[in-house]
Amino acid sequence: MKNKKVDINNEKYNFIDDVESIFSTGQGLNEDVVRAISKAKNEPDWMLEYRLKSYNAFKKMPFPSFGPNVSNLNFDSYTYFTRYVKGEKESWEDVPETIKNTFKKIGIPEAEQKFLSGAATQYESEMVYHNMLKETEEKGVIFLSTDMALKLYPDLFKKYFGTVVNFADNKFSALNGACWSGGSFIYVPKGVKVDKPLQSYFRINNQKTGQFERTLIICDEGSDVHYIEGCTAPIYSKESLHAAVVEIIVLKNAKCRYSTVQNWSNNIVNLVTKRAFVYQNGSMDWIDGNIGSQINMKYPACVLKEEGAKGTCISIAVAGKNQFQDAGARMIHEASNTYSQIISKSIVSNGGIANYRGTARIKKDAFNCKSHVECDTLILDEYSKSDTIPKNECLNNSSFIEHEATVSKIDEEYLFYLMSRGIKKEEAIQMIVMGFIEPFSKELPMEYAVELNQLIKMDMEGSVG
């Protein structure tokens, strides 16, 4: 029984808003544009200096020497900053109607009311709305856009900004350093547990535009927080660029979980740097879903800085027609008695490519460490491909790294068994796919797991005869 092409698409978020900007830097990138962004935000001198240093580094740095080729990107073809709303709104009713309707279609107000401690929405370059439950705010939790945090908490902001991901880390972290705008800033005080997740949602509405949010999360000693981000964009014939940076600091005995359900349209080039520093007995979990985008390069990382630190990344990458998902994780053990785990699931169909690219490194003086890496790929047709590209380094004799990888197609016996019970072939394939991604989906809150399943099932109906 030979599988036909199975196309995994999603039309739910493919709508375009007719909304006018109130300020834009126009197409192209140069020092004047960088200065204009900083001026529009009324930033302190040190931030303008940081932006200019980042821009100069960006111009000199090479493109990545691995993964999909992105050297044909024309950086002068994008718009780097667009403002649609004057000031962030704390009341949903104050958000302009067109933008409000966008997030209503996505379901943000309902999600906020039902199961979130706080919500924020970014439209193109800036946050347009943020809010937080009173009881969460009373615990001393800070949840703002990164722009507002720079203004309202300058000392705390400056202490941690750029300490986990330096602008000189790679070409796209340098681009973000020059043009960053929006993103979430979270500070959780000592011993505070945030009972419900905090969420931000990112929307790109235009073609040939750039979104460069900067997220900074600080989990003080003994704190606990779950942050969820989602992102969408409509489909255009011309690409847009998303180059975000996420920095997370997990201090002694603290816990942080960062869940992503990325559903960019197939014209988005997604080049993201995500990294956490984890200190004594701290725990960092990346739950990373990569469903959309034309090209995706994303490798959430944990640097385990002190004894007892733990890092986990559980991810899926789903690639359909004209998609190249190059994703994975990095776990760097710098201290003894640290533990890491990477579980990666890839699904490819209709000519898509989904590679796992990851690093597990245990340094020479990091004794008694353990890292477990598990990579599984499910290929749904004869036209798609996937590679596993691990880099495992154990530099002492008291530590060890486990690595296992599988590549498989739909099991014909499973398919036959399900169909013999009266289940249609299309539904049977969906059931097998859902079972395959179960290690990832079970880590999400129920509402997000349901949404994830729907995204993956979308348009599979009717595509298998």
Protein backbone atom coordinates (compact mmCIF):
# COMPACT_ATOMS: atom_id res chain seq x y z
CA MET A 1 0.00 0.00 0.00
CA LYS A 2 1.80 3.11 -1.19
CA ASN A 3 1.23 6.48 0.48
CA LYS A 4 0.10 9.37 -1.65
CA LYS A 5 1.25 12.91 -0.99
CA VAL A 6 -0.03 14.21 2.30
CA ASP A 7 -0.09 18.01 2.50
CA ILE A 8 -0.18 19.65 5.91
CA ASN A 9 -1.42 23.20 5.52
CA ASN A 10 -3.37 25.71 7.57
CA GLU A 11 -5.76 28.35 6.26
CA LYS A 12 -7.30 29.41 9.56
CA TYR A 13 -4.87 32.28 10.10
CA ASN A 14 -4.52 33.27 6.45
CA PHE A 15 -6.38 36.58 6.53
CA ILE A 16 -4.98 40.04 5.83
CA ASP A 17 -5.93 43.12 7.82
CA ASP A 18 -6.61 46.44 6.13
CA VAL A 19 -5.02 48.71 8.71
CA GLU A 20 -2.93 51.87 8.26
CA SER A 21 0.36 52.44 10.06
CA ILE A 22 1.03 55.71 11.88
CA PHE A 23 4.83 55.49 11.51
CA SER A 24 7.25 53.45 9.42
CA THR A 25 10.96 53.58 8.68
CA GLY A 26 10.27 52.46 5.11
CA GLN A 27 12.20 49.85 3.19
CA GLY A 28 15.88 49.32 3.76
CA LEU A 29 18.39 49.16 6.58
CA ASN A 30 21.18 51.59 7.39
CA GLU A 31 22.46 53.54 10.39
CA ASP A 32 19.77 56.20 9.94
CA VAL A 33 17.06 53.54 10.23
CA VAL A 34 18.62 52.18 13.42
CA ARG A 35 18.74 55.69 14.88
CA ALA A 36 15.14 56.33 13.81
CA ILE A 37 13.93 53.21 15.64
CA SER A 38 15.68 54.28 18.83
CA LYS A 39 14.39 57.84 18.53
CA ALA A 40 10.81 56.70 17.93
CA LYS A 41 11.02 54.75 21.18
CA ASN A 42 12.69 57.59 23.10
CA GLU A 43 15.42 55.28 24.35
CA PRO A 44 18.39 56.11 26.59
CA ASP A 45 21.79 56.72 25.00
CA TRP A 46 23.18 53.36 26.08
CA MET A 47 20.54 51.50 24.09
CA LEU A 48 21.21 53.53 20.95
CA GLU A 49 24.90 52.72 21.39
CA TYR A 50 24.03 49.02 21.74
CA ARG A 51 21.95 49.16 18.56
CA LEU A 52 24.72 50.82 16.57
CA LYS A 53 27.34 48.32 17.77
CA SER A 54 24.95 45.51 16.81
CA TYR A 55 24.36 47.00 13.36
CA ASN A 56 28.09 47.31 12.69
CA ALA A 57 28.61 43.71 13.79
CA PHE A 58 25.73 42.56 11.58
CA LYS A 59 27.30 44.12 8.49
CA LYS A 60 30.57 42.27 9.06
CA MET A 61 29.31 38.86 10.17
CA PRO A 62 28.91 35.96 7.72
CA PHE A 63 25.77 33.97 7.08
CA PRO A 64 25.49 30.62 8.92
CA SER A 65 27.67 27.92 7.40
CA PHE A 66 25.07 25.23 8.14
CA GLY A 67 21.41 24.54 7.49
CA PRO A 68 19.31 26.00 4.68
CA ASN A 69 20.92 28.63 2.51
CA VAL A 70 19.67 32.11 3.48
CA SER A 71 22.45 34.10 1.83
CA ASN A 72 20.04 35.33 -0.87
CA LEU A 73 18.09 37.45 1.63
CA ASN A 74 17.95 41.06 0.45
CA PHE A 75 18.04 43.03 3.69
CA ASP A 76 17.28 46.29 1.91
CA SER A 77 13.93 44.90 0.73
CA TYR A 78 12.36 44.74 4.21
CA THR A 79 10.67 47.32 6.40
CA TYR A 80 12.25 47.14 9.85
CA PHE A 81 9.88 49.13 12.04
CA THR A 82 6.16 49.88 11.72
CA ARG A 83 3.91 51.41 14.36
CA TYR A 84 0.13 50.95 14.26
CA VAL A 85 -0.96 52.07 17.72
CA LYS A 86 0.20 54.97 19.86
CA GLY A 87 1.07 53.43 23.20
CA GLU A 88 0.20 50.01 24.61
CA LYS A 89 -3.34 49.42 25.79
CA GLU A 90 -4.21 47.76 29.09
CA SER A 91 -7.89 47.55 28.21
CA TRP A 92 -8.95 45.30 25.36
CA GLU A 93 -11.64 47.82 24.39
CA ASP A 94 -9.00 50.47 23.70
CA VAL A 95 -7.29 48.42 21.00
CA PRO A 96 -8.21 49.59 17.46
CA GLU A 97 -11.11 47.59 16.10
CA THR A 98 -9.31 46.09 13.10
CA ILE A 99 -6.40 44.82 15.18
CA LYS A 100 -8.78 43.66 17.91
CA ASN A 101 -10.71 41.61 15.36
CA THR A 102 -7.46 39.99 14.24
CA PHE A 103 -6.75 38.64 17.70
CA LYS A 104 -10.39 37.73 18.25
CA LYS A 105 -10.18 35.44 15.22
CA ILE A 106 -7.11 33.83 16.73
CA GLY A 107 -8.89 33.45 20.06
CA ILE A 108 -6.74 35.62 22.35
CA PRO A 109 -9.49 37.30 24.46
CA GLU A 110 -11.17 33.98 25.18
CA ALA A 111 -7.88 32.34 26.13
CA GLU A 112 -7.01 35.23 28.43
CA GLN A 113 -10.32 35.04 30.23
CA LYS A 114 -10.25 31.28 30.68
CA PHE A 115 -6.79 30.12 31.64
CA LEU A 116 -4.07 32.77 31.50
CA SER A 117 -2.46 34.82 34.26
CA GLY A 118 -1.67 37.50 31.71
CA ALA A 119 -1.70 38.12 27.97
CA ALA A 120 0.11 40.39 25.54
CA THR A 121 -0.26 40.84 21.79
CA GLN A 122 2.28 42.16 19.32
CA TYR A 123 1.21 43.45 15.91
CA GLU A 124 4.16 43.88 13.53
CA SER A 125 6.86 45.82 15.43
CA GLU A 126 5.24 46.65 18.77
CA MET A 127 3.03 45.35 21.52
CA VAL A 128 -0.46 46.78 21.19
CA TYR A 129 -2.03 45.25 24.31
CA HIS A 130 -0.97 43.68 27.59
CA ASN A 131 -2.78 42.80 30.77
CA MET A 132 -2.29 40.65 33.87
CA LEU A 133 -4.51 39.21 36.59
CA LYS A 134 -4.61 41.36 39.71
CA GLU A 135 -3.57 38.51 41.99
CA THR A 136 -0.51 37.84 39.79
CA GLU A 137 0.45 41.50 39.85
CA GLU A 138 0.05 41.58 43.64
CA LYS A 139 2.70 38.85 43.92
CA GLY A 140 5.21 41.29 42.45
CA VAL A 141 5.36 39.66 39.02
CA ILE A 142 6.39 42.03 36.23
CA PHE A 143 4.93 41.22 32.80
CA LEU A 144 5.39 43.98 30.24
CA SER A 145 6.57 44.55 26.74
CA THR A 146 10.35 44.72 26.59
CA ASP A 147 10.06 48.35 25.44
CA MET A 148 8.06 49.33 28.51
CA ALA A 149 10.39 47.42 30.83
CA LEU A 150 13.32 49.47 29.55
CA LYS A 151 11.44 52.63 30.56
CA LEU A 152 9.90 51.49 33.85
CA TYR A 153 12.59 49.17 35.25
CA PRO A 154 15.84 50.48 33.72
CA ASP A 155 18.22 49.05 36.36
CA LEU A 156 16.77 45.54 36.30
CA PHE A 157 16.57 45.65 32.52
CA LYS A 158 20.15 46.77 32.01
CA LYS A 159 21.47 44.19 34.50
CA TYR A 160 20.30 41.27 32.37
CA PHE A 161 19.74 42.52 28.81
CA GLY A 162 22.25 41.01 26.40
CA THR A 163 23.93 38.85 29.06
CA VAL A 164 22.65 35.51 27.71
CA VAL A 165 22.64 36.26 23.97
CA ASN A 166 25.28 38.76 22.92
CA PHE A 167 24.72 40.71 19.71
CA ALA A 168 27.98 39.20 18.40
CA ASP A 169 26.66 35.65 18.83
CA ASN A 170 25.54 35.30 15.20
CA LYS A 171 24.47 37.42 12.23
CA PHE A 172 20.79 37.38 13.16
CA SER A 173 21.27 38.10 16.86
CA ALA A 174 23.25 41.14 15.66
CA LEU A 175 20.36 42.12 13.37
CA ASN A 176 17.98 41.78 16.30
CA GLY A 177 20.29 43.86 18.49
CA ALA A 178 20.13 46.66 15.92
CA CYS A 179 16.40 46.55 15.19
CA TRP A 180 14.74 44.87 18.18
CA SER A 181 11.24 46.02 19.03
CA GLY A 182 8.56 44.56 21.26
CA GLY A 183 8.70 41.16 22.86
CA SER A 184 7.95 40.22 26.46
CA PHE A 185 9.75 41.09 29.68
CA ILE A 186 8.98 38.91 32.71
CA TYR A 187 10.41 39.08 36.20
CA VAL A 188 9.20 36.56 38.78
CA PRO A 189 10.29 37.45 42.36
CA LYS A 190 11.91 35.04 44.81
CA GLY A 191 9.68 32.15 45.84
CA VAL A 192 6.73 33.23 43.66
CA LYS A 193 4.86 30.63 41.67
CA VAL A 194 2.69 31.87 38.80
CA ASP A 195 -0.24 29.45 38.84
CA LYS A 196 -1.49 30.04 35.29
CA PRO A 197 0.59 30.60 32.15
CA LEU A 198 1.53 34.02 30.81
CA GLN A 199 1.14 34.35 27.05
CA SER A 200 2.24 36.60 24.23
CA TYR A 201 1.01 36.38 20.66
CA PHE A 202 2.91 37.72 17.65
CA ARG A 203 1.30 38.67 14.36
CA ILE A 204 2.97 39.69 11.11
CA ASN A 205 0.40 41.17 8.72
CA ASN A 206 2.44 42.56 5.81
CA GLN A 207 4.77 41.14 3.20
CA LYS A 208 8.44 42.16 2.95
CA THR A 209 8.47 43.24 6.56
CA GLY A 210 10.60 42.30 9.55
CA GLN A 211 9.66 41.42 13.12
CA PHE A 212 12.46 41.47 15.68
CA GLU A 213 10.98 41.03 19.13
CA ARG A 214 13.25 40.64 22.14
CA THR A 215 12.05 38.55 25.07
CA LEU A 216 13.78 38.61 28.45
CA ILE A 217 12.65 36.40 31.36
CA ILE A 218 14.23 36.46 34.82
CA CYS A 219 13.18 33.74 37.26
CA ASP A 220 14.49 34.71 40.68
CA GLU A 221 15.44 32.10 43.28
CA GLY A 222 12.76 29.50 43.97
CA SER A 223 10.26 30.97 41.48
CA ASP A 224 8.17 29.11 38.91
CA VAL A 225 6.59 30.36 35.67
CA HIS A 226 5.16 29.00 32.42
CA TYR A 227 5.28 31.31 29.40
CA ILE A 228 3.53 30.52 26.11
CA GLU A 229 4.07 32.23 22.78
CA GLY A 230 2.16 31.83 19.55
CA CYS A 231 2.68 33.42 16.14
CA THR A 232 0.90 33.63 12.80
CA ALA A 233 1.00 35.50 9.50
CA PRO A 234 -1.06 35.45 6.27
CA ILE A 235 0.36 33.95 3.10
CA TYR A 236 1.94 36.30 0.55
CA SER A 237 3.94 35.69 -2.61
CA LYS A 238 6.92 37.56 -1.11
CA GLU A 239 8.70 36.57 2.08
CA SER A 240 8.96 38.37 5.41
CA LEU A 241 11.72 38.03 7.97
CA HIS A 242 11.38 37.09 11.63
CA ALA A 243 14.61 37.24 13.67
CA ALA A 244 13.80 37.15 17.38
CA VAL A 245 16.04 36.75 20.42
CA VAL A 246 14.95 35.11 23.68
CA GLU A 247 17.07 35.35 26.83
CA ILE A 248 16.13 33.49 30.02
CA ILE A 249 17.84 33.52 33.41
CA VAL A 250 16.82 30.69 35.77
CA LEU A 251 18.34 31.32 39.20
CA LYS A 252 18.83 28.90 42.12
CA ASN A 253 15.95 26.42 42.61
CA ALA A 254 13.78 28.24 40.04
CA LYS A 255 11.74 26.67 37.23
CA CYS A 256 10.84 28.05 33.84
CA ARG A 257 8.84 26.49 31.04
CA TYR A 258 8.73 28.19 27.65
CA SER A 259 6.16 26.76 25.22
CA THR A 260 5.96 27.79 21.57
CA VAL A 261 3.31 26.94 18.99
CA GLN A 262 4.81 28.55 15.90
CA ASN A 263 2.41 28.64 12.97
CA TRP A 264 3.98 31.16 10.61
CA SER A 265 2.75 31.10 7.02
CA ASN A 266 4.94 29.64 4.31
CA ASN A 267 6.41 32.98 3.30
CA ILE A 268 8.13 33.66 6.65
CA VAL A 269 11.88 33.15 7.05
CA ASN A 270 12.26 32.38 10.75
CA LEU A 271 15.76 32.80 12.20
CA VAL A 272 15.60 32.79 15.98
CA THR A 273 18.13 32.61 18.82
CA LYS A 274 16.77 31.21 22.12
CA ARG A 275 18.99 30.54 25.12
CA ALA A 276 18.72 30.08 28.89
CA PHE A 277 21.32 30.24 31.65
CA VAL A 278 20.37 27.77 34.40
CA TYR A 279 21.90 28.04 37.86
CA GLN A 280 22.04 25.79 40.96
CA ASN A 281 19.21 23.22 41.00
CA GLY A 282 17.28 25.30 38.48
CA SER A 283 15.16 23.75 35.73
CA MET A 284 14.49 25.00 32.21
CA ASP A 285 12.01 23.35 29.81
CA TRP A 286 11.68 24.33 26.16
CA ILE A 287 8.47 22.96 24.61
CA ASP A 288 9.00 23.96 20.99
CA GLY A 289 6.48 23.45 18.19
CA ASN A 290 7.53 24.36 14.64
CA ILE A 291 4.67 24.00 12.19
CA GLY A 292 4.82 26.99 9.83
CA SER A 293 7.41 29.09 7.97
CA GLN A 294 9.20 28.75 4.64
CA ILE A 295 12.60 28.38 6.32
CA ASN A 296 13.04 27.80 10.02
CA MET A 297 16.36 27.77 11.90
CA LYS A 298 15.85 27.49 15.65
CA TYR A 299 17.82 25.63 18.33
CA PRO A 300 16.65 26.44 21.89
CA ALA A 301 19.61 26.14 24.23
CA CYS A 302 20.31 25.59 27.92
CA VAL A 303 23.67 26.46 29.43
CA LEU A 304 23.82 24.57 32.72
CA LYS A 305 25.97 26.92 34.78
CA GLU A 306 25.88 25.40 38.28
CA GLU A 307 25.46 22.02 39.98
CA GLY A 308 22.05 20.39 39.90
CA ALA A 309 20.85 22.40 36.89
CA LYS A 310 18.52 20.63 34.46
CA GLY A 311 17.62 21.43 30.88
CA THR A 312 14.97 19.86 28.65
CA CYS A 313 13.84 20.48 25.08
CA ILE A 314 10.86 18.62 23.66
CA SER A 315 10.15 19.68 20.10
CA ILE A 316 8.29 18.89 16.93
CA ALA A 317 9.01 20.11 13.41
CA VAL A 318 6.34 19.66 10.74
CA ALA A 319 7.39 20.36 7.15
CA GLY A 320 5.11 20.28 4.13
CA LYS A 321 5.38 21.62 0.60
CA ASN A 322 8.07 24.30 0.15
CA GLN A 323 9.10 24.14 3.82
CA PHE A 324 12.56 23.60 5.27
CA GLN A 325 12.59 23.06 9.03
CA ASP A 326 16.12 23.02 10.45
CA ALA A 327 15.48 22.77 14.17
CA GLY A 328 16.78 21.10 17.29
CA ALA A 329 18.35 22.05 20.60
CA ARG A 330 21.64 22.72 22.36
CA MET A 331 22.55 21.56 25.86
CA ILE A 332 25.85 22.80 27.27
CA HIS A 333 26.98 21.32 30.60
CA GLU A 334 29.39 23.70 32.32
CA ALA A 335 28.94 22.36 35.87
CA SER A 336 29.06 18.94 37.51
CA ASN A 337 25.98 16.88 38.38
CA THR A 338 23.84 18.45 35.67
CA TYR A 339 21.25 16.73 33.48
CA SER A 340 19.78 17.40 30.06
CA GLN A 341 17.27 15.80 27.75
CA ILE A 342 16.39 16.44 24.10
CA ILE A 343 13.36 14.77 22.53
CA SER A 344 12.81 15.74 18.90
CA LYS A 345 9.93 14.66 16.64
CA SER A 346 9.85 15.49 12.92
CA ILE A 347 7.03 14.95 10.42
CA VAL A 348 7.61 15.51 6.70
CA SER A 349 5.19 15.39 3.77
CA ASN A 350 4.69 16.58 0.20
CA GLY A 351 8.35 17.29 -0.48
CA GLY A 352 9.11 19.03 2.82
CA ILE A 353 12.44 18.87 4.64
CA ALA A 354 12.80 18.65 8.43
CA ASN A 355 16.27 18.22 9.90
CA TYR A 356 17.24 17.73 13.51
CA ARG A 357 20.41 19.70 14.30
CA GLY A 358 21.56 19.64 17.90
CA THR A 359 24.45 19.77 20.31
CA ALA A 360 25.00 18.01 23.62
CA ARG A 361 28.30 19.10 25.14
CA ILE A 362 29.67 18.07 28.53
CA LYS A 363 32.74 20.12 29.34
CA LYS A 364 35.99 18.77 30.75
CA ASP A 365 35.38 19.90 34.34
CA ALA A 366 31.66 19.03 34.41
CA PHE A 367 31.71 15.67 36.18
CA ASN A 368 28.91 13.13 36.72
CA CYS A 369 26.66 14.64 34.05
CA LYS A 370 24.11 12.91 31.85
CA SER A 371 22.53 13.92 28.57
CA HIS A 372 19.86 11.96 26.70
CA VAL A 373 19.08 12.73 23.05
CA GLU A 374 16.21 11.11 21.17
CA CYS A 375 15.30 11.98 17.56
CA ASP A 376 12.42 10.40 15.64
CA THR A 377 11.17 11.20 12.16
CA LEU A 378 7.94 10.15 10.45
CA ILE A 379 7.96 10.40 6.63
CA LEU A 380 4.45 10.43 5.15
CA ASP A 381 5.26 10.02 1.45
CA GLU A 382 7.96 9.30 -1.12
CA TYR A 383 8.77 12.95 -1.81
CA SER A 384 10.03 14.23 1.54
CA LYS A 385 13.26 13.88 3.48
CA SER A 386 14.81 14.33 6.88
CA ASP A 387 18.33 14.18 8.31
CA THR A 388 19.58 13.90 11.87
CA ILE A 389 22.71 15.98 12.44
CA PRO A 390 23.82 15.59 16.06
CA LYS A 391 26.98 16.90 17.67
CA ASN A 392 27.66 15.07 20.90
CA GLU A 393 30.77 15.87 22.97
CA CYS A 394 31.62 14.30 26.32
CA LEU A 395 34.98 15.59 27.52
CA ASN A 396 35.43 13.59 30.73
CA ASN A 397 35.16 9.95 31.80
CA SER A 398 32.59 10.30 34.58
CA SER A 399 29.77 11.63 32.37
CA PHE A 400 27.86 10.13 29.47
CA ILE A 401 25.62 11.03 26.54
CA GLU A 402 22.90 8.74 25.19
CA HIS A 403 21.73 9.23 21.62
CA GLU A 404 19.10 7.35 19.65
CA ALA A 405 17.45 8.16 16.34
CA THR A 406 14.79 6.55 14.15
CA VAL A 407 13.37 7.31 10.71
CA SER A 408 10.18 5.55 9.71
CA LYS A 409 7.20 5.65 7.41
CA ILE A 410 3.57 4.94 8.23
CA ASP A 411 3.49 1.36 9.45
CA GLU A 412 1.38 -0.55 6.94
CA GLU A 413 0.33 -3.11 9.58
CA TYR A 414 -0.95 -0.36 11.89
CA LEU A 415 -2.76 1.22 8.96
CA PHE A 416 -4.28 -2.08 7.90
CA TYR A 417 -5.35 -2.86 11.46
CA LEU A 418 -7.12 0.49 11.90
CA MET A 419 -8.77 0.30 8.48
CA SER A 420 -9.95 -3.25 9.21
CA ARG A 421 -11.85 -1.76 12.16
CA GLY A 422 -13.81 0.48 9.81
CA ILE A 423 -11.61 3.59 10.13
CA LYS A 424 -11.01 5.47 6.91
CA LYS A 425 -7.42 5.63 5.67
CA GLU A 426 -7.21 9.38 6.10
CA GLU A 427 -8.41 9.19 9.70
CA ALA A 428 -6.11 6.25 10.40
CA ILE A 429 -3.06 8.23 9.23
CA GLN A 430 -4.15 11.14 11.41
CA MET A 431 -4.40 8.82 14.41
CA ILE A 432 -0.89 7.48 13.79
CA VAL A 433 0.49 11.01 13.44
CA MET A 434 -1.22 12.14 16.65
CA GLY A 435 0.24 9.17 18.50
CA PHE A 436 3.68 10.00 17.13
CA ILE A 437 3.63 13.57 18.47
CA GLU A 438 2.07 12.61 21.81
CA PRO A 439 5.32 13.14 23.81
CA PHE A 440 5.20 16.77 22.68
CA SER A 441 1.48 17.50 22.82
CA LYS A 442 1.08 16.09 26.34
CA GLU A 443 3.44 18.82 27.61
CA LEU A 444 1.09 21.59 26.48
CA PRO A 445 -1.96 22.89 28.37
CA MET A 446 -5.03 21.09 27.08
CA GLU A 447 -6.35 24.01 25.06
CA TYR A 448 -3.06 24.34 23.20
CA ALA A 449 -2.75 20.61 22.63
CA VAL A 450 -6.18 20.60 20.98
CA GLU A 451 -5.18 23.57 18.81
CA LEU A 452 -1.90 21.87 17.88
CA ASN A 453 -3.73 18.72 16.81
CA GLN A 454 -6.11 20.77 14.66
CA LEU A 455 -3.23 22.60 13.01
CA ILE A 456 -1.55 19.35 12.04
CA LYS A 457 -4.80 17.73 10.88
CA MET A 458 -5.80 20.79 8.86
CA ASP A 459 -6.24 19.93 5.19
CA MET A 460 -5.04 16.37 5.65
CA GLU A 461 -8.71 15.58 5.24
CA GLY A 462 -9.36 14.59 1.67
CA SER A 463 -5.69 14.51 0.72
CA VAL A 464 -5.27 10.75 1.16
CA GLY A 465 -7.32 8.47 -1.02
